[in-house]
Amino acid sequence: MSSQLTGAHQKTYQRMFEHPISHNLQWREVWSMFNAMPDAEAIEDDKGNLKVTRNGQSLILHRPHGKDLTDEKELMQVRHFLEKSGNSIPSPAEAGTHLLVVIDHREARIYRTELNGAVPQKIVPYDPFGYGRDLHYNQDDANGQRKPEQRSFYEAVAKTLQGARQILMFGTGTGSSSAMEQLLANLKKHHHEVADRVIGSIAVDEHHLTEAQLLAKARELFVPA
């Protein structure tokens, strides 16, 4: 099970469930992860392809020409195999009750604040051309709506927050320049039950705060359950 993986193997497992799916996973990282699973059997054939068997499910993974596993179809096959053969990485809302969202236009990091050393779930905007650009708020000239990649980003974050008892948001900027404000507006418009659980949205200078400082600040602000 995924809970028995540690360190780099656990991080590789979690990256398989990022939204959108990571496209720079190294073949050796995925191969090593499967070999580390105590409930999986991984066999490499003479062509370098990998056959994995786990809890009655089988997966054949073709060795890529380069060092990275970049084929999206195969990456999705790995994700579906992990889901069908065992417990997939739960969303923070399924695993905990107090969630901290640290968000800007590049990514959203979602933490379970009751855990020390927890790896955050990361969600990044869909960037089909790999520019790594900021996802600033722009009005579409035709209909005045947010562009699809913005909508999918905020919807993915909203889906991850469903089920949480309390949610706290940290972000930078104000108004339309703030990804935090845009997320909050999305929740109020489309996800009322999630918006009702947001206990605060606070502007912070996250680039000058460590992860431990962000979590400590959040724990001070959460209302006792």
Protein backbone atom coordinates (compact mmCIF):
# COMPACT_ATOMS: atom_id res chain seq x y z
CA MET A 1 0.00 0.00 0.00
CA SER A 2 1.09 3.57 -0.56
CA SER A 3 1.26 4.20 3.19
CA GLN A 4 4.19 1.77 3.35
CA LEU A 5 6.25 3.85 0.94
CA THR A 6 8.58 6.47 2.34
CA GLY A 7 10.80 9.29 1.16
CA ALA A 8 11.39 9.58 -2.57
CA HIS A 9 9.08 6.65 -3.36
CA GLN A 10 6.15 8.32 -1.56
CA LYS A 11 6.81 11.59 -3.41
CA THR A 12 6.81 9.75 -6.76
CA TYR A 13 3.51 8.08 -5.81
CA GLN A 14 1.96 11.44 -4.93
CA ARG A 15 3.16 13.04 -8.16
CA MET A 16 1.17 10.43 -10.08
CA PHE A 17 -1.98 12.04 -8.63
CA GLU A 18 -1.11 15.68 -9.25
CA HIS A 19 -3.46 17.78 -11.38
CA PRO A 20 -2.52 18.04 -14.19
CA ILE A 21 -0.41 14.91 -14.21
CA SER A 22 3.34 15.47 -14.06
CA HIS A 23 5.20 15.08 -17.36
CA ASN A 24 8.77 14.94 -16.04
CA LEU A 25 8.68 11.72 -14.03
CA GLN A 26 11.86 9.75 -14.56
CA TRP A 27 11.54 6.14 -15.62
CA ARG A 28 13.96 5.01 -12.89
CA GLU A 29 11.84 6.80 -10.24
CA VAL A 30 8.67 4.99 -11.32
CA TRP A 31 10.54 1.67 -11.62
CA SER A 32 12.04 2.15 -8.15
CA MET A 33 8.64 3.02 -6.66
CA PHE A 34 7.06 -0.18 -7.92
CA ASN A 35 10.00 -2.24 -6.66
CA ALA A 36 9.59 -0.67 -3.22
CA MET A 37 5.93 -1.65 -2.92
CA PRO A 38 5.72 -4.71 -0.66
CA ASP A 39 2.38 -5.75 -2.19
CA ALA A 40 3.59 -5.47 -5.81
CA GLU A 41 5.75 -7.65 -8.04
CA ALA A 42 7.76 -5.80 -10.68
CA ILE A 43 9.63 -7.72 -13.40
CA GLU A 44 11.74 -6.16 -16.14
CA ASP A 45 11.89 -8.07 -19.44
CA ASP A 46 14.84 -8.32 -21.85
CA LYS A 47 13.64 -5.19 -23.70
CA GLY A 48 13.58 -3.10 -20.55
CA ASN A 49 9.79 -3.04 -20.29
CA LEU A 50 8.26 -3.38 -16.84
CA LYS A 51 5.46 -5.75 -15.88
CA VAL A 52 3.85 -4.98 -12.51
CA THR A 53 1.35 -7.18 -10.71
CA ARG A 54 -0.47 -5.94 -7.61
CA ASN A 55 -3.57 -7.30 -5.88
CA GLY A 56 -4.76 -9.12 -8.98
CA GLN A 57 -4.15 -6.17 -11.32
CA SER A 58 -1.46 -6.10 -14.00
CA LEU A 59 0.34 -3.29 -15.80
CA ILE A 60 2.85 -3.38 -18.66
CA LEU A 61 4.94 -0.22 -18.90
CA HIS A 62 7.09 0.31 -21.98
CA ARG A 63 10.55 1.71 -21.39
CA PRO A 64 10.79 5.22 -22.93
CA HIS A 65 13.55 6.25 -25.36
CA GLY A 66 14.74 8.96 -22.97
CA LYS A 67 15.06 9.07 -19.20
CA ASP A 68 11.59 10.54 -18.59
CA LEU A 69 8.20 8.87 -18.77
CA THR A 70 6.38 11.49 -20.84
CA ASP A 71 3.61 9.62 -22.66
CA GLU A 72 0.39 10.92 -21.11
CA LYS A 73 -1.56 7.79 -22.01
CA GLU A 74 0.92 5.59 -20.15
CA LEU A 75 1.05 7.97 -17.20
CA MET A 76 -2.73 7.76 -16.91
CA GLN A 77 -2.49 3.96 -17.13
CA VAL A 78 -0.11 4.01 -14.17
CA ARG A 79 -2.50 6.24 -12.20
CA HIS A 80 -5.50 4.01 -12.95
CA PHE A 81 -3.47 0.90 -12.08
CA LEU A 82 -2.56 2.39 -8.69
CA GLU A 83 -6.20 3.31 -8.06
CA LYS A 84 -7.55 -0.13 -9.00
CA SER A 85 -4.85 -2.17 -7.27
CA GLY A 86 -4.78 -0.36 -3.94
CA ASN A 87 -5.49 2.81 -2.04
CA SER A 88 -4.68 5.89 -4.07
CA ILE A 89 -3.35 9.02 -2.38
CA PRO A 90 -6.35 10.51 -0.60
CA SER A 91 -7.14 14.14 -1.05
CA PRO A 92 -6.37 16.17 2.08
CA ALA A 93 -10.10 16.66 2.65
CA GLU A 94 -10.53 12.89 2.94
CA ALA A 95 -7.61 12.49 5.32
CA GLY A 96 -7.93 15.53 7.58
CA THR A 97 -10.31 18.19 8.78
CA HIS A 98 -8.20 21.38 8.84
CA LEU A 99 -6.73 22.41 5.50
CA LEU A 100 -4.42 25.29 4.66
CA VAL A 101 -4.36 26.51 1.05
CA VAL A 102 -1.30 28.53 0.05
CA ILE A 103 -2.03 29.83 -3.43
CA ASP A 104 -0.61 32.13 -6.09
CA HIS A 105 -0.88 32.17 -9.87
CA ARG A 106 1.71 29.44 -10.26
CA GLU A 107 0.36 26.77 -7.93
CA ALA A 108 -1.79 25.87 -4.98
CA ARG A 109 -0.34 23.92 -2.05
CA ILE A 110 -2.81 22.21 0.27
CA TYR A 111 -1.65 21.11 3.72
CA ARG A 112 -3.12 19.03 6.49
CA THR A 113 -2.21 21.32 9.35
CA GLU A 114 -2.52 18.73 12.09
CA LEU A 115 0.41 16.75 10.66
CA ASN A 116 4.05 17.75 11.06
CA GLY A 117 6.21 17.14 8.01
CA ALA A 118 3.27 16.34 5.74
CA VAL A 119 3.90 16.64 2.00
CA PRO A 120 1.41 19.15 0.56
CA GLN A 121 -0.81 18.26 -2.36
CA LYS A 122 0.15 20.53 -5.24
CA ILE A 123 -2.13 21.71 -8.04
CA VAL A 124 -0.77 23.77 -10.91
CA PRO A 125 -2.56 25.55 -13.77
CA TYR A 126 -2.73 23.65 -17.02
CA ASP A 127 0.17 24.89 -19.14
CA PRO A 128 0.02 22.94 -22.44
CA PHE A 129 3.07 24.68 -23.95
CA GLY A 130 5.26 24.41 -20.87
CA TYR A 131 6.01 28.10 -20.57
CA GLY A 132 5.65 28.07 -16.78
CA ARG A 133 3.96 31.44 -16.99
CA ASP A 134 1.98 33.15 -14.29
CA LEU A 135 -1.76 32.63 -14.65
CA HIS A 136 -2.91 36.23 -14.27
CA TYR A 137 -6.57 37.15 -14.45
CA ASN A 138 -7.51 38.11 -17.99
CA GLN A 139 -10.88 38.80 -19.53
CA ASP A 140 -11.63 36.84 -22.66
CA ASP A 141 -12.40 39.34 -25.42
CA ALA A 142 -15.38 37.38 -26.67
CA ASN A 143 -17.44 36.77 -23.56
CA GLY A 144 -15.67 38.31 -20.57
CA GLN A 145 -15.12 34.93 -18.90
CA ARG A 146 -11.99 33.51 -17.36
CA LYS A 147 -9.92 31.40 -19.71
CA PRO A 148 -10.43 27.60 -19.52
CA GLU A 149 -7.04 26.92 -17.89
CA GLN A 150 -7.97 29.29 -15.04
CA ARG A 151 -11.35 27.66 -14.54
CA SER A 152 -9.83 24.17 -14.47
CA PHE A 153 -7.19 25.30 -11.96
CA TYR A 154 -9.69 26.70 -9.47
CA GLU A 155 -12.11 23.82 -10.01
CA ALA A 156 -9.34 21.32 -9.25
CA VAL A 157 -8.55 23.14 -6.00
CA ALA A 158 -12.26 23.28 -5.09
CA LYS A 159 -12.63 19.54 -5.65
CA THR A 160 -9.69 18.86 -3.34
CA LEU A 161 -11.24 20.97 -0.56
CA GLN A 162 -14.62 19.22 -0.54
CA GLY A 163 -15.27 17.48 2.75
CA ALA A 164 -12.90 19.61 4.84
CA ARG A 165 -14.31 20.87 8.14
CA GLN A 166 -12.33 24.11 8.17
CA ILE A 167 -10.31 25.82 5.42
CA LEU A 168 -7.83 28.66 5.72
CA MET A 169 -6.32 30.48 2.73
CA PHE A 170 -3.01 32.31 2.44
CA GLY A 171 -2.17 34.26 -0.70
CA THR A 172 -0.58 37.39 -2.14
CA GLY A 173 -2.01 40.45 -3.86
CA THR A 174 -5.50 41.88 -3.75
CA GLY A 175 -8.55 41.92 -6.00
CA SER A 176 -8.24 40.42 -9.48
CA SER A 177 -4.45 40.16 -9.09
CA SER A 178 -4.87 37.70 -6.23
CA ALA A 179 -5.30 34.00 -7.02
CA MET A 180 -6.63 33.60 -3.48
CA GLU A 181 -9.43 36.10 -4.14
CA GLN A 182 -10.24 34.42 -7.45
CA LEU A 183 -10.43 31.03 -5.76
CA LEU A 184 -12.69 32.41 -3.05
CA ALA A 185 -14.97 33.98 -5.67
CA ASN A 186 -15.13 30.63 -7.49
CA LEU A 187 -16.10 28.82 -4.30
CA LYS A 188 -18.82 31.34 -3.43
CA LYS A 189 -20.29 31.09 -6.93
CA HIS A 190 -20.02 27.37 -7.63
CA HIS A 191 -19.26 25.57 -4.35
CA HIS A 192 -21.30 27.15 -1.57
CA GLU A 193 -20.79 24.27 0.87
CA VAL A 194 -17.00 24.61 0.56
CA ALA A 195 -17.08 28.42 0.76
CA ASP A 196 -19.03 28.18 4.02
CA ARG A 197 -16.13 26.28 5.60
CA VAL A 198 -13.53 28.96 4.79
CA ILE A 199 -12.71 30.61 8.12
CA GLY A 200 -10.32 33.20 6.68
CA SER A 201 -8.39 34.42 3.64
CA ILE A 202 -5.22 36.27 4.58
CA ALA A 203 -2.65 38.09 2.46
CA VAL A 204 0.86 36.96 3.43
CA ASP A 205 4.36 37.38 2.03
CA GLU A 206 4.77 33.65 1.52
CA HIS A 207 8.14 34.00 -0.21
CA HIS A 208 9.65 35.30 3.04
CA LEU A 209 8.05 32.68 5.27
CA THR A 210 9.20 29.10 5.66
CA GLU A 211 6.74 26.23 5.35
CA ALA A 212 6.97 25.69 9.11
CA GLN A 213 6.13 29.37 9.74
CA LEU A 214 3.12 29.22 7.42
CA LEU A 215 1.79 26.12 9.18
CA ALA A 216 2.42 27.57 12.64
CA LYS A 217 0.49 30.72 11.69
CA ALA A 218 -2.39 28.61 10.34
CA ARG A 219 -2.61 26.51 13.50
CA GLU A 220 -2.99 29.65 15.57
CA LEU A 221 -5.97 30.75 13.47
CA PHE A 222 -7.98 27.55 13.22
CA VAL A 223 -11.07 27.39 15.41
CA PRO A 224 -11.02 24.41 17.81
CA ALA A 225 -13.35 21.69 16.56
